N, C-alpha and C. Protein backbone atom coordinates (compact mmCIF):
# COMPACT_ATOMS: atom_id res chain seq x y z
N MET A 1 23.39 37.24 -14.34
CA MET A 1 24.69 37.83 -13.59
C MET A 1 24.61 39.19 -14.03
N TYR A 2 25.19 40.09 -13.29
CA TYR A 2 25.24 41.61 -13.60
C TYR A 2 26.84 41.93 -13.74
N LYS A 3 27.35 42.87 -14.55
CA LYS A 3 28.52 43.14 -14.56
C LYS A 3 28.36 44.50 -13.74
N ILE A 4 29.12 44.86 -12.50
CA ILE A 4 29.30 46.02 -11.91
C ILE A 4 30.17 46.38 -11.44
N LEU A 5 30.53 48.08 -11.68
CA LEU A 5 31.54 48.69 -11.62
C LEU A 5 31.44 49.54 -9.93
N ILE A 6 32.37 49.11 -9.16
CA ILE A 6 32.28 49.61 -7.82
C ILE A 6 33.42 50.98 -8.21
N THR A 7 32.77 52.20 -7.85
CA THR A 7 33.87 53.27 -7.90
C THR A 7 33.87 53.97 -6.80
N ASP A 8 35.04 54.13 -5.98
CA ASP A 8 35.21 54.63 -4.90
C ASP A 8 36.60 54.71 -4.23
N ASP A 9 36.93 55.83 -3.53
CA ASP A 9 38.36 56.08 -3.33
C ASP A 9 38.82 55.27 -1.87
N GLU A 10 37.65 54.78 -1.18
CA GLU A 10 38.05 53.94 -0.03
C GLU A 10 38.15 52.66 -0.24
N GLU A 11 38.90 51.80 -0.11
CA GLU A 11 39.29 50.63 -0.40
C GLU A 11 38.56 49.57 0.17
N LYS A 12 38.07 50.11 1.72
CA LYS A 12 37.65 49.23 2.60
C LYS A 12 36.07 49.22 2.26
N ILE A 13 35.52 50.18 1.82
CA ILE A 13 33.89 50.41 1.21
C ILE A 13 33.95 49.37 -0.07
N ARG A 14 34.86 49.39 -0.94
CA ARG A 14 34.84 48.79 -2.31
C ARG A 14 35.05 47.25 -1.86
N ALA A 15 35.48 46.95 -0.82
CA ALA A 15 35.86 45.71 -0.44
C ALA A 15 34.34 44.90 0.24
N LEU A 16 33.89 45.75 0.94
CA LEU A 16 32.61 45.36 1.33
C LEU A 16 31.45 45.17 0.53
N ILE A 17 31.61 46.58 -0.48
CA ILE A 17 30.53 46.17 -1.57
C ILE A 17 30.65 44.68 -2.31
N LYS A 18 31.98 44.62 -2.90
CA LYS A 18 32.27 43.78 -3.71
C LYS A 18 31.88 42.21 -2.93
N LYS A 19 32.08 42.23 -1.94
CA LYS A 19 31.84 40.94 -1.07
C LYS A 19 30.24 40.46 -1.36
N TYR A 20 29.45 41.37 -1.19
CA TYR A 20 28.16 41.36 -1.44
C TYR A 20 27.39 41.20 -2.52
N ILE A 21 28.15 41.49 -3.41
CA ILE A 21 28.06 41.42 -5.20
C ILE A 21 28.51 40.19 -5.64
N VAL A 22 29.35 39.57 -5.04
CA VAL A 22 29.92 38.53 -5.62
C VAL A 22 29.44 37.33 -4.73
N PHE A 23 28.76 37.33 -3.65
CA PHE A 23 28.03 36.32 -2.86
C PHE A 23 26.43 36.33 -3.46
N GLU A 24 26.37 37.56 -4.15
CA GLU A 24 24.89 37.69 -4.84
C GLU A 24 24.89 36.96 -6.22
N GLY A 25 26.07 36.53 -6.69
CA GLY A 25 26.46 35.72 -7.76
C GLY A 25 26.77 36.79 -8.88
N HIS A 26 27.04 37.84 -8.72
CA HIS A 26 27.45 38.88 -9.88
C HIS A 26 28.90 39.09 -10.02
N GLU A 27 29.28 39.63 -10.99
CA GLU A 27 30.60 40.01 -11.01
C GLU A 27 31.21 41.66 -11.12
N ALA A 28 32.22 41.91 -9.83
CA ALA A 28 32.63 42.84 -9.52
C ALA A 28 33.84 43.50 -10.17
N PHE A 29 33.83 44.96 -10.30
CA PHE A 29 35.16 45.54 -10.93
C PHE A 29 35.07 46.65 -9.87
N GLU A 30 36.45 47.45 -9.74
CA GLU A 30 36.81 48.27 -9.04
C GLU A 30 37.69 49.40 -9.54
N ALA A 31 37.10 50.66 -9.27
CA ALA A 31 37.87 51.99 -9.86
C ALA A 31 38.34 52.73 -8.47
N ALA A 32 39.31 53.14 -8.11
CA ALA A 32 39.56 53.81 -7.19
C ALA A 32 39.22 55.27 -7.44
N ASN A 33 39.02 56.32 -8.43
CA ASN A 33 38.45 57.21 -8.60
C ASN A 33 37.85 57.49 -10.16
N GLY A 34 37.23 58.65 -10.30
CA GLY A 34 36.31 58.96 -11.23
C GLY A 34 37.02 58.60 -12.63
N MET A 35 38.37 58.87 -12.79
CA MET A 35 39.15 58.69 -13.99
C MET A 35 39.22 57.26 -14.30
N GLU A 36 39.63 56.28 -13.59
CA GLU A 36 39.54 54.99 -13.68
C GLU A 36 38.31 54.32 -14.29
N ALA A 37 37.10 55.11 -13.52
CA ALA A 37 35.80 54.70 -13.96
C ALA A 37 35.83 54.95 -15.40
N VAL A 38 36.22 56.24 -15.74
CA VAL A 38 35.63 56.26 -17.26
C VAL A 38 36.60 55.47 -17.92
N GLU A 39 37.79 55.23 -17.89
CA GLU A 39 38.73 54.40 -18.60
C GLU A 39 37.93 53.13 -18.68
N TYR A 40 37.60 52.51 -17.40
CA TYR A 40 36.78 51.46 -17.72
C TYR A 40 35.78 51.25 -18.60
N CYS A 41 34.86 52.25 -18.32
CA CYS A 41 33.84 52.24 -19.43
C CYS A 41 33.97 52.57 -20.89
N GLN A 42 35.20 53.12 -21.25
CA GLN A 42 35.74 52.91 -22.30
C GLN A 42 36.03 51.56 -23.29
N LYS A 43 36.34 50.61 -22.00
CA LYS A 43 37.06 49.66 -22.75
C LYS A 43 35.86 48.54 -22.91
N GLN A 44 34.95 48.48 -21.86
CA GLN A 44 33.76 47.44 -21.87
C GLN A 44 32.47 48.23 -20.89
N ASP A 45 31.43 47.22 -21.32
CA ASP A 45 30.05 47.66 -20.80
C ASP A 45 29.87 46.91 -19.28
N PHE A 46 29.23 47.98 -18.60
CA PHE A 46 28.58 47.37 -17.40
C PHE A 46 27.12 47.37 -17.33
N ASP A 47 26.55 46.43 -16.26
CA ASP A 47 25.26 46.43 -16.35
C ASP A 47 24.74 47.58 -15.35
N ILE A 48 25.46 47.86 -14.76
CA ILE A 48 25.41 49.46 -13.56
C ILE A 48 26.61 49.43 -12.96
N ILE A 49 26.64 51.16 -12.67
CA ILE A 49 27.91 51.64 -12.01
C ILE A 49 27.48 52.21 -10.86
N LEU A 50 28.22 51.91 -9.63
CA LEU A 50 28.14 52.64 -8.24
C LEU A 50 29.09 53.74 -8.15
N MET A 51 28.86 54.67 -7.89
CA MET A 51 29.78 55.85 -7.96
C MET A 51 29.58 56.88 -6.87
N ASP A 52 30.79 56.93 -6.22
CA ASP A 52 31.02 57.77 -5.33
C ASP A 52 31.15 59.15 -5.67
N ILE A 53 30.92 60.09 -4.95
CA ILE A 53 31.15 61.59 -5.36
C ILE A 53 32.63 62.11 -5.14
N MET A 54 32.80 62.14 -3.70
CA MET A 54 34.08 62.79 -3.64
C MET A 54 35.24 62.00 -3.71
N MET A 55 36.22 62.09 -4.97
CA MET A 55 37.16 61.34 -5.01
C MET A 55 38.16 62.02 -5.60
N PRO A 56 39.78 61.71 -5.57
CA PRO A 56 40.92 62.27 -6.56
C PRO A 56 40.66 62.12 -7.81
N GLU A 57 41.36 62.60 -8.40
CA GLU A 57 41.74 62.58 -9.87
C GLU A 57 40.21 63.16 -10.54
N LEU A 58 39.24 62.51 -10.60
CA LEU A 58 38.01 63.17 -11.09
C LEU A 58 36.67 62.90 -10.10
N ASP A 59 35.92 63.78 -9.84
CA ASP A 59 34.72 63.48 -8.68
C ASP A 59 33.74 62.84 -9.55
N GLY A 60 32.79 62.22 -8.60
CA GLY A 60 31.68 61.36 -9.35
C GLY A 60 30.88 61.95 -10.19
N PHE A 61 30.29 63.47 -10.26
CA PHE A 61 29.72 64.14 -11.01
C PHE A 61 30.12 64.08 -12.39
N SER A 62 31.56 64.83 -12.30
CA SER A 62 32.49 64.89 -13.65
C SER A 62 32.40 63.49 -14.41
N ALA A 63 32.59 62.19 -13.57
CA ALA A 63 32.91 61.20 -14.31
C ALA A 63 31.63 60.53 -15.15
N VAL A 64 30.50 61.10 -14.43
CA VAL A 64 29.24 60.52 -14.88
C VAL A 64 28.95 61.19 -16.33
N LYS A 65 29.21 62.75 -15.99
CA LYS A 65 28.90 63.31 -17.10
C LYS A 65 29.84 62.94 -18.29
N GLU A 66 31.11 62.49 -18.30
CA GLU A 66 31.87 61.91 -19.21
C GLU A 66 31.35 60.45 -19.80
N ILE A 67 30.93 59.61 -18.82
CA ILE A 67 30.52 58.21 -19.31
C ILE A 67 29.14 58.48 -19.97
N ARG A 68 28.41 59.80 -19.58
CA ARG A 68 26.94 59.67 -20.57
C ARG A 68 27.11 60.19 -21.83
N LYS A 69 28.48 60.68 -21.90
CA LYS A 69 28.69 61.25 -23.26
C LYS A 69 28.79 60.15 -24.33
N ASN A 70 28.97 58.82 -24.09
CA ASN A 70 29.15 57.46 -24.93
C ASN A 70 27.95 56.43 -24.51
N GLN A 71 27.48 56.47 -23.53
CA GLN A 71 26.66 55.31 -23.17
C GLN A 71 25.70 55.58 -21.74
N ASP A 72 24.55 55.03 -21.78
CA ASP A 72 23.48 55.21 -21.05
C ASP A 72 23.25 53.89 -19.90
N VAL A 73 24.57 53.75 -19.48
CA VAL A 73 24.64 52.63 -18.31
C VAL A 73 24.12 53.09 -17.01
N PRO A 74 22.99 52.76 -16.47
CA PRO A 74 22.78 52.91 -15.32
C PRO A 74 23.42 53.49 -14.28
N VAL A 75 23.55 54.33 -13.39
CA VAL A 75 24.51 54.94 -12.13
C VAL A 75 23.51 54.75 -11.45
N LEU A 76 24.30 54.53 -9.66
CA LEU A 76 23.75 54.83 -8.79
C LEU A 76 24.74 55.21 -7.68
N MET A 77 24.22 56.40 -7.29
CA MET A 77 25.46 57.46 -6.68
C MET A 77 25.41 57.10 -5.10
N LEU A 78 26.56 57.15 -4.77
CA LEU A 78 27.05 56.56 -3.08
C LEU A 78 27.76 58.03 -2.81
N SER A 79 27.12 58.54 -1.48
CA SER A 79 27.81 59.49 -1.04
C SER A 79 27.48 59.77 0.40
N ALA A 80 28.66 60.29 1.13
CA ALA A 80 28.73 60.43 2.60
C ALA A 80 27.64 61.87 2.82
N ARG A 81 27.61 62.52 1.91
CA ARG A 81 26.84 63.85 1.82
C ARG A 81 25.31 63.62 1.42
N GLY A 82 24.32 64.13 2.24
CA GLY A 82 23.27 63.97 1.91
C GLY A 82 22.33 65.30 1.50
N GLU A 83 23.09 66.09 1.03
CA GLU A 83 22.39 67.55 0.91
C GLU A 83 21.69 67.56 -0.45
N GLU A 84 20.26 68.07 -0.59
CA GLU A 84 19.58 68.06 -1.54
C GLU A 84 20.24 68.54 -2.79
N TYR A 85 21.08 69.55 -2.63
CA TYR A 85 21.69 70.16 -3.83
C TYR A 85 22.64 68.81 -4.84
N ASP A 86 23.47 67.97 -3.79
CA ASP A 86 23.93 66.77 -4.24
C ASP A 86 23.05 65.95 -5.15
N LYS A 87 22.00 65.76 -4.41
CA LYS A 87 21.03 64.77 -5.03
C LYS A 87 20.50 65.49 -6.29
N ILE A 88 20.06 66.54 -6.27
CA ILE A 88 19.37 67.26 -7.45
C ILE A 88 20.42 67.25 -8.64
N HIS A 89 21.43 67.66 -8.04
CA HIS A 89 22.41 67.68 -9.56
C HIS A 89 22.79 66.17 -10.04
N GLY A 90 22.76 65.38 -9.28
CA GLY A 90 22.98 63.84 -9.65
C GLY A 90 21.98 63.61 -10.54
N PHE A 91 20.99 63.64 -10.21
CA PHE A 91 19.64 63.36 -11.07
C PHE A 91 19.59 64.27 -12.39
N GLU A 92 19.95 65.26 -12.44
CA GLU A 92 20.13 66.29 -13.57
C GLU A 92 20.86 65.46 -14.48
N LEU A 93 22.14 65.22 -13.95
CA LEU A 93 23.25 64.44 -14.71
C LEU A 93 22.70 62.96 -14.91
N GLY A 94 21.62 62.64 -14.76
CA GLY A 94 20.96 61.20 -15.24
C GLY A 94 21.38 59.93 -14.35
N ILE A 95 21.52 60.17 -13.13
CA ILE A 95 21.74 59.14 -12.04
C ILE A 95 20.56 58.45 -11.99
N ASP A 96 20.46 57.11 -11.53
CA ASP A 96 18.89 56.51 -11.62
C ASP A 96 18.94 56.67 -10.06
N ASP A 97 19.99 56.48 -9.04
CA ASP A 97 19.38 56.40 -7.67
C ASP A 97 20.57 57.22 -7.04
N TYR A 98 20.35 57.45 -5.60
CA TYR A 98 21.15 58.30 -4.97
C TYR A 98 21.09 57.34 -3.32
N VAL A 99 22.29 56.96 -2.69
CA VAL A 99 22.17 56.21 -1.44
C VAL A 99 23.25 56.99 -0.55
N VAL A 100 22.72 57.31 0.56
CA VAL A 100 23.88 57.91 1.43
C VAL A 100 24.46 57.08 2.55
N LYS A 101 25.74 57.38 2.54
CA LYS A 101 26.57 56.55 3.47
C LYS A 101 26.24 56.96 5.01
N PRO A 102 26.41 55.96 6.06
CA PRO A 102 26.19 54.43 5.96
C PRO A 102 25.03 54.02 5.29
N PHE A 103 25.22 52.81 4.38
CA PHE A 103 24.10 52.43 4.22
C PHE A 103 23.92 50.72 4.55
N SER A 104 22.92 50.12 4.04
CA SER A 104 22.72 48.81 4.44
C SER A 104 23.15 47.95 3.10
N PRO A 105 24.07 47.04 3.03
CA PRO A 105 24.43 46.37 2.07
C PRO A 105 23.21 45.57 1.06
N LYS A 106 22.40 45.17 2.30
CA LYS A 106 21.40 44.48 1.60
C LYS A 106 20.46 45.63 0.87
N GLU A 107 20.06 46.71 1.44
CA GLU A 107 19.32 47.74 0.80
C GLU A 107 19.79 47.97 -0.80
N LEU A 108 21.21 48.16 -0.59
CA LEU A 108 22.16 48.25 -1.75
C LEU A 108 21.78 47.31 -2.99
N MET A 109 22.04 46.08 -2.33
CA MET A 109 21.86 45.23 -3.47
C MET A 109 20.31 45.02 -3.96
N MET A 110 19.38 45.52 -3.05
CA MET A 110 17.90 45.57 -3.89
C MET A 110 17.78 46.81 -4.71
N ARG A 111 18.45 47.82 -4.34
CA ARG A 111 18.24 48.82 -5.46
C ARG A 111 19.10 48.60 -6.68
N ILE A 112 20.13 47.86 -6.67
CA ILE A 112 21.09 47.39 -7.77
C ILE A 112 20.12 46.74 -8.72
N ASP A 113 19.29 45.65 -7.90
CA ASP A 113 18.62 44.71 -8.96
C ASP A 113 17.66 45.30 -9.35
N ALA A 114 16.85 46.27 -8.73
CA ALA A 114 15.71 47.05 -9.25
C ALA A 114 15.95 48.01 -10.37
N ILE A 115 17.52 48.49 -10.20
CA ILE A 115 17.45 49.55 -11.55
C ILE A 115 18.01 48.65 -12.68
N VAL A 116 18.87 47.43 -12.56
CA VAL A 116 19.15 46.68 -13.63
C VAL A 116 17.87 46.05 -14.38
N LYS A 117 16.78 45.44 -13.45
CA LYS A 117 15.87 44.81 -14.01
C LYS A 117 14.91 45.79 -14.65
N ARG A 118 14.56 47.19 -14.17
CA ARG A 118 13.96 48.40 -14.82
C ARG A 118 14.55 48.57 -16.08
N SER A 119 15.97 48.84 -16.11
CA SER A 119 16.57 49.32 -17.39
C SER A 119 16.55 48.09 -18.35
N SER A 120 16.45 46.83 -18.10
CA SER A 120 16.30 45.99 -19.00
C SER A 120 14.78 45.70 -19.55
N ARG A 121 13.76 45.94 -18.77
CA ARG A 121 12.53 46.06 -19.16
C ARG A 121 12.19 46.89 -20.43
N SER A 122 12.76 48.25 -19.95
CA SER A 122 12.74 49.54 -20.42
C SER A 122 12.93 49.10 -22.11
N HIS A 123 14.06 47.97 -22.26
CA HIS A 123 14.41 47.83 -23.77
C HIS A 123 13.67 46.83 -24.77
N GLN A 124 12.60 46.52 -23.66
CA GLN A 124 12.08 45.41 -24.23
C GLN A 124 10.56 45.42 -24.46
N SER A 125 9.88 46.66 -24.27
CA SER A 125 8.43 47.49 -24.50
C SER A 125 8.30 47.17 -25.75
N GLU A 126 6.90 47.06 -26.40
CA GLU A 126 6.64 47.08 -27.61
C GLU A 126 6.31 48.84 -28.03
N HIS A 127 6.47 49.02 -29.25
CA HIS A 127 6.29 50.47 -29.78
C HIS A 127 5.36 51.26 -29.39
N GLU A 128 5.42 51.97 -28.62
CA GLU A 128 4.00 52.96 -28.48
C GLU A 128 4.49 54.17 -28.33
N ILE A 129 3.60 55.31 -28.69
CA ILE A 129 3.71 56.78 -28.72
C ILE A 129 2.58 57.36 -28.19
N PHE A 130 2.95 58.19 -27.04
CA PHE A 130 1.73 59.03 -26.90
C PHE A 130 1.70 60.73 -27.48
N THR A 131 0.72 61.19 -28.08
CA THR A 131 0.68 62.18 -28.28
C THR A 131 -0.35 63.50 -27.43
N LYS A 132 -0.09 64.59 -27.55
CA LYS A 132 -1.10 65.48 -27.02
C LYS A 132 -0.64 66.77 -27.39
N ASP A 133 -1.34 67.34 -28.35
CA ASP A 133 -1.00 68.68 -28.94
C ASP A 133 0.40 68.61 -29.36
N GLY A 134 1.29 69.41 -28.95
CA GLY A 134 2.60 69.28 -29.39
C GLY A 134 3.53 68.53 -28.68
N LEU A 135 3.14 67.62 -27.61
CA LEU A 135 3.85 67.03 -26.88
C LEU A 135 3.73 65.45 -27.53
N ALA A 136 4.84 64.86 -27.56
CA ALA A 136 4.91 63.57 -28.03
C ALA A 136 5.88 62.66 -27.02
N ALA A 137 5.71 61.51 -26.66
CA ALA A 137 6.49 60.55 -26.03
C ALA A 137 6.59 59.16 -26.40
N ASP A 138 7.62 58.89 -26.85
CA ASP A 138 7.98 57.64 -27.58
C ASP A 138 8.40 57.12 -26.55
N PHE A 139 7.39 55.72 -26.04
CA PHE A 139 8.12 54.86 -24.92
C PHE A 139 9.57 53.78 -25.28
N THR A 140 9.35 53.42 -26.65
CA THR A 140 10.25 52.52 -27.18
C THR A 140 11.66 53.36 -27.20
N ALA A 141 11.58 54.26 -27.92
CA ALA A 141 12.73 54.94 -28.26
C ALA A 141 13.25 55.75 -26.80
N ARG A 142 12.50 55.76 -25.60
CA ARG A 142 12.70 56.92 -24.75
C ARG A 142 12.91 58.22 -25.23
N ARG A 143 12.19 58.64 -26.21
CA ARG A 143 12.33 60.13 -26.55
C ARG A 143 10.87 61.04 -26.38
N VAL A 144 11.21 62.28 -25.63
CA VAL A 144 10.08 63.11 -25.63
C VAL A 144 10.51 64.35 -26.41
N THR A 145 9.32 64.85 -27.41
CA THR A 145 9.51 65.97 -27.87
C THR A 145 8.17 66.67 -27.66
N ILE A 146 8.91 68.27 -27.84
CA ILE A 146 8.05 69.13 -27.87
C ILE A 146 7.92 70.26 -29.09
N ASN A 147 6.74 70.17 -29.86
CA ASN A 147 6.51 70.84 -31.04
C ASN A 147 8.11 70.21 -32.03
N ASP A 148 7.89 69.20 -31.98
CA ASP A 148 9.20 68.14 -32.93
C ASP A 148 10.51 68.63 -32.38
N LEU A 149 10.76 69.33 -31.22
CA LEU A 149 11.95 69.27 -30.76
C LEU A 149 12.23 68.45 -29.59
N GLU A 150 13.20 67.71 -29.52
CA GLU A 150 13.45 66.71 -28.78
C GLU A 150 14.00 67.33 -27.55
N ILE A 151 13.41 66.97 -26.13
CA ILE A 151 13.90 67.44 -24.79
C ILE A 151 14.92 66.61 -24.14
N GLU A 152 15.65 66.99 -23.72
CA GLU A 152 17.03 65.91 -23.10
C GLU A 152 16.28 66.03 -21.34
N MET A 153 16.03 64.65 -20.66
CA MET A 153 15.81 64.54 -19.47
C MET A 153 16.61 63.29 -18.83
N SER A 154 16.50 63.15 -17.76
CA SER A 154 17.31 62.42 -16.85
C SER A 154 16.72 60.66 -16.93
N PRO A 155 17.21 59.89 -16.87
CA PRO A 155 16.74 58.64 -16.87
C PRO A 155 15.16 58.20 -16.09
N LYS A 156 15.48 58.68 -14.52
CA LYS A 156 14.37 58.80 -13.99
C LYS A 156 13.26 59.70 -14.29
N GLU A 157 13.32 60.63 -14.95
CA GLU A 157 12.57 61.45 -15.33
C GLU A 157 11.48 60.92 -16.41
N TYR A 158 12.51 60.22 -17.15
CA TYR A 158 11.46 59.37 -18.40
C TYR A 158 10.67 58.57 -17.59
N ASP A 159 11.49 57.63 -16.60
CA ASP A 159 10.52 56.77 -15.80
C ASP A 159 9.14 57.22 -15.44
N LEU A 160 9.48 58.39 -14.80
CA LEU A 160 8.25 58.74 -13.80
C LEU A 160 7.62 59.55 -15.02
N LEU A 161 7.52 60.19 -15.75
CA LEU A 161 6.91 60.80 -16.92
C LEU A 161 6.06 59.52 -17.64
N PHE A 162 6.68 58.53 -18.30
CA PHE A 162 6.27 57.57 -18.79
C PHE A 162 4.91 56.96 -18.11
N PHE A 163 5.52 56.37 -17.00
CA PHE A 163 4.45 55.85 -15.88
C PHE A 163 3.21 56.88 -15.49
N MET A 164 3.36 57.83 -15.46
CA MET A 164 2.31 58.54 -15.23
C MET A 164 1.35 58.89 -16.67
N ILE A 165 2.17 58.78 -17.81
CA ILE A 165 1.12 59.05 -19.01
C ILE A 165 0.36 57.72 -19.08
N LYS A 166 1.14 56.50 -18.68
CA LYS A 166 0.33 55.28 -19.17
C LYS A 166 -0.85 55.01 -17.92
N ASN A 167 -0.75 56.10 -16.97
CA ASN A 167 -1.79 55.88 -15.76
C ASN A 167 -2.30 57.53 -15.78
N ARG A 168 -2.51 58.20 -17.29
CA ARG A 168 -3.21 59.20 -16.99
C ARG A 168 -4.36 58.90 -16.45
N ASN A 169 -4.98 60.79 -16.00
CA ASN A 169 -6.45 60.78 -15.82
C ASN A 169 -6.55 59.84 -14.11
N ILE A 170 -5.50 59.26 -13.74
CA ILE A 170 -5.74 58.46 -12.44
C ILE A 170 -5.05 59.26 -11.34
N ALA A 171 -5.62 59.42 -10.30
CA ALA A 171 -4.88 59.72 -9.06
C ALA A 171 -3.71 59.03 -8.32
N LEU A 172 -2.52 59.28 -8.29
CA LEU A 172 -1.22 58.28 -8.35
C LEU A 172 -0.89 58.76 -6.72
N THR A 173 -0.94 58.01 -5.97
CA THR A 173 -0.56 58.26 -4.46
C THR A 173 1.06 58.29 -4.66
N ARG A 174 1.42 58.95 -3.61
CA ARG A 174 3.02 59.31 -3.64
C ARG A 174 3.72 57.80 -3.29
N ASP A 175 2.80 57.07 -2.57
CA ASP A 175 3.64 55.70 -2.32
C ASP A 175 3.63 54.87 -3.66
N LYS A 176 2.39 55.07 -4.53
CA LYS A 176 2.41 54.08 -5.69
C LYS A 176 3.38 54.76 -6.72
N LEU A 177 3.78 55.67 -6.81
CA LEU A 177 4.70 56.33 -7.57
C LEU A 177 5.74 55.88 -7.30
N ILE A 178 6.54 56.18 -5.80
CA ILE A 178 7.60 55.77 -5.58
C ILE A 178 7.66 54.24 -5.71
N THR A 179 7.00 53.34 -5.35
CA THR A 179 7.06 51.85 -5.56
C THR A 179 7.29 51.60 -6.78
N GLU A 180 6.24 52.04 -8.02
CA GLU A 180 6.23 51.43 -9.36
C GLU A 180 7.67 52.05 -10.00
N VAL A 181 7.81 53.50 -9.93
CA VAL A 181 8.98 54.06 -10.59
C VAL A 181 10.08 53.81 -9.98
N TRP A 182 10.62 53.74 -8.60
CA TRP A 182 11.67 53.29 -8.26
C TRP A 182 12.08 51.98 -7.83
N GLY A 183 10.88 51.04 -8.24
CA GLY A 183 11.02 49.64 -8.24
C GLY A 183 11.13 48.69 -6.81
N TYR A 184 11.15 49.41 -5.49
CA TYR A 184 11.39 48.52 -4.43
C TYR A 184 10.81 49.60 -3.37
N ASP A 185 10.79 48.89 -2.45
CA ASP A 185 10.26 49.39 -0.91
C ASP A 185 11.31 50.66 -0.72
N PHE A 186 10.70 51.72 -0.68
CA PHE A 186 11.72 52.90 -0.77
C PHE A 186 12.11 53.33 0.72
N TYR A 187 13.54 53.34 0.96
CA TYR A 187 13.71 53.53 2.05
C TYR A 187 14.50 55.10 2.37
N GLY A 188 14.45 55.86 1.29
CA GLY A 188 15.00 57.08 1.34
C GLY A 188 14.00 58.16 1.83
N ASP A 189 14.34 59.54 1.32
CA ASP A 189 13.49 60.84 1.80
C ASP A 189 12.60 60.76 0.53
N ASP A 190 11.09 60.89 0.90
CA ASP A 190 10.19 60.68 -0.29
C ASP A 190 10.08 62.05 -0.71
N ARG A 191 10.90 62.99 -0.37
CA ARG A 191 11.37 64.20 -1.22
C ARG A 191 11.80 64.43 -2.53
N THR A 192 12.54 62.99 -2.40
CA THR A 192 13.16 62.57 -3.88
C THR A 192 11.90 62.70 -4.96
N LEU A 193 10.88 62.39 -4.75
CA LEU A 193 9.78 62.07 -5.66
C LEU A 193 9.55 63.53 -6.09
N ASP A 194 9.52 64.76 -4.97
CA ASP A 194 8.95 65.89 -5.20
C ASP A 194 9.92 66.40 -6.03
N THR A 195 11.30 66.33 -5.59
CA THR A 195 12.57 66.82 -6.69
C THR A 195 12.26 66.50 -8.04
N HIS A 196 12.17 65.17 -8.33
CA HIS A 196 11.91 64.56 -9.69
C HIS A 196 10.73 65.31 -10.37
N ILE A 197 9.56 65.59 -9.65
CA ILE A 197 8.10 66.24 -10.09
C ILE A 197 8.90 67.62 -10.82
N LYS A 198 9.47 68.17 -10.13
CA LYS A 198 9.83 69.77 -10.12
C LYS A 198 10.72 69.49 -11.46
N LEU A 199 11.69 68.66 -11.25
CA LEU A 199 12.55 68.63 -12.70
C LEU A 199 11.89 68.38 -13.80
N LEU A 200 10.70 67.45 -13.72
CA LEU A 200 10.05 66.99 -14.99
C LEU A 200 9.08 68.00 -15.23
N ARG A 201 8.48 69.04 -14.53
CA ARG A 201 7.84 70.15 -14.97
C ARG A 201 8.92 70.95 -15.88
N LYS A 202 9.74 71.44 -15.19
CA LYS A 202 10.80 71.94 -15.87
C LYS A 202 11.15 71.87 -17.25
N SER A 203 11.66 70.24 -17.56
CA SER A 203 11.50 69.65 -18.78
C SER A 203 10.54 69.82 -19.52
N LEU A 204 9.19 69.94 -19.04
CA LEU A 204 8.17 69.93 -20.05
C LEU A 204 7.71 71.18 -20.47
N GLY A 205 8.35 72.25 -19.43
CA GLY A 205 7.86 73.57 -20.15
C GLY A 205 6.72 74.15 -20.21
N ASP A 206 6.10 74.52 -21.17
CA ASP A 206 4.50 74.82 -21.57
C ASP A 206 3.59 73.62 -20.98
N TYR A 207 3.80 72.53 -20.98
CA TYR A 207 3.28 71.26 -20.65
C TYR A 207 3.54 70.77 -19.44
N ALA A 208 3.91 71.71 -18.56
CA ALA A 208 3.98 71.35 -16.98
C ALA A 208 2.93 71.49 -16.36
N SER A 209 1.89 72.01 -16.88
CA SER A 209 0.61 71.82 -16.29
C SER A 209 -0.13 70.63 -16.40
N LEU A 210 0.12 69.62 -17.11
CA LEU A 210 -0.26 68.60 -17.42
C LEU A 210 -0.22 67.72 -15.99
N ILE A 211 0.77 67.90 -15.22
CA ILE A 211 1.06 67.25 -13.84
C ILE A 211 0.40 67.72 -12.97
N THR A 212 -0.83 67.61 -12.45
CA THR A 212 -1.35 68.27 -11.57
C THR A 212 -1.10 67.55 -9.60
N THR A 213 -0.89 68.24 -9.04
CA THR A 213 -0.87 67.96 -7.54
C THR A 213 -2.02 67.97 -6.88
N LEU A 214 -2.26 66.95 -6.31
CA LEU A 214 -3.24 66.40 -5.31
C LEU A 214 -2.69 66.23 -4.09
N ARG A 215 -3.03 67.42 -3.28
CA ARG A 215 -2.64 67.76 -1.97
C ARG A 215 -3.17 66.98 -1.16
N GLY A 216 -2.04 65.92 -0.40
CA GLY A 216 -2.47 65.05 0.47
C GLY A 216 -2.63 63.68 -0.16
N VAL A 217 -2.44 63.60 -1.34
CA VAL A 217 -2.36 62.29 -2.17
C VAL A 217 -1.50 62.09 -2.76
N GLY A 218 -1.11 62.71 -3.77
CA GLY A 218 0.00 62.69 -4.77
C GLY A 218 -0.04 63.43 -5.91
N TYR A 219 -0.01 62.85 -7.23
CA TYR A 219 -0.09 63.47 -8.46
C TYR A 219 -1.09 63.01 -9.49
N ARG A 220 -1.26 63.68 -10.50
CA ARG A 220 -2.00 62.93 -11.88
C ARG A 220 -1.55 63.71 -12.96
N PHE A 221 -1.49 62.66 -13.83
CA PHE A 221 -1.44 63.44 -15.23
C PHE A 221 -2.29 63.60 -16.17
N GLU A 222 -2.96 64.93 -16.61
CA GLU A 222 -3.70 64.96 -17.27
C GLU A 222 -3.78 64.40 -18.96
N GLY A 223 -4.44 63.91 -19.16
CA GLY A 223 -4.13 63.38 -20.65
C GLY A 223 -5.39 63.20 -21.49
């Protein structure tokens, strides 16, 4: 059973989501704005947070930023806006997924399940470290360092980099990356993958060239 915090200023949307969460056997909590969500997270832990963007008191982006100061709980962003800027900003803050309203409750539950399971698996893996010159990726600690300096990345960047490293020197199709890293049959715009590759290359700096674009196919990590 998952503990899920629903953060949205629209009561009807909260009620609809809660209905499906409870039906699936999980526990649901409600916050009407970002400030309430932050206060909830200061008092208890959740398996995942569903976060709207446009809300009174404190918007979703600001709420995620505050919550991320103290814990690394998975976040799925909900928004009526599908602009690329919003998606990029959310991913840079460390959200795990982004759903544009209106959405299918069934799809939402699939995404929630995939995110929580993936988050759980990441804490159960055996200690393993990959190194190449000055780049070091610690899979267990979820730390990446370049020349002994730790770099900060979003949770999805870590997932994507670690998967590519574990499958280094192999041509990875776009469908393969989306299915394995996002953990479900992807319903969104596949430009999400390109956005994350762009962010990941930026984070890797001098090692960005290790990620090779295979035109018409996907990407490959050179290791």
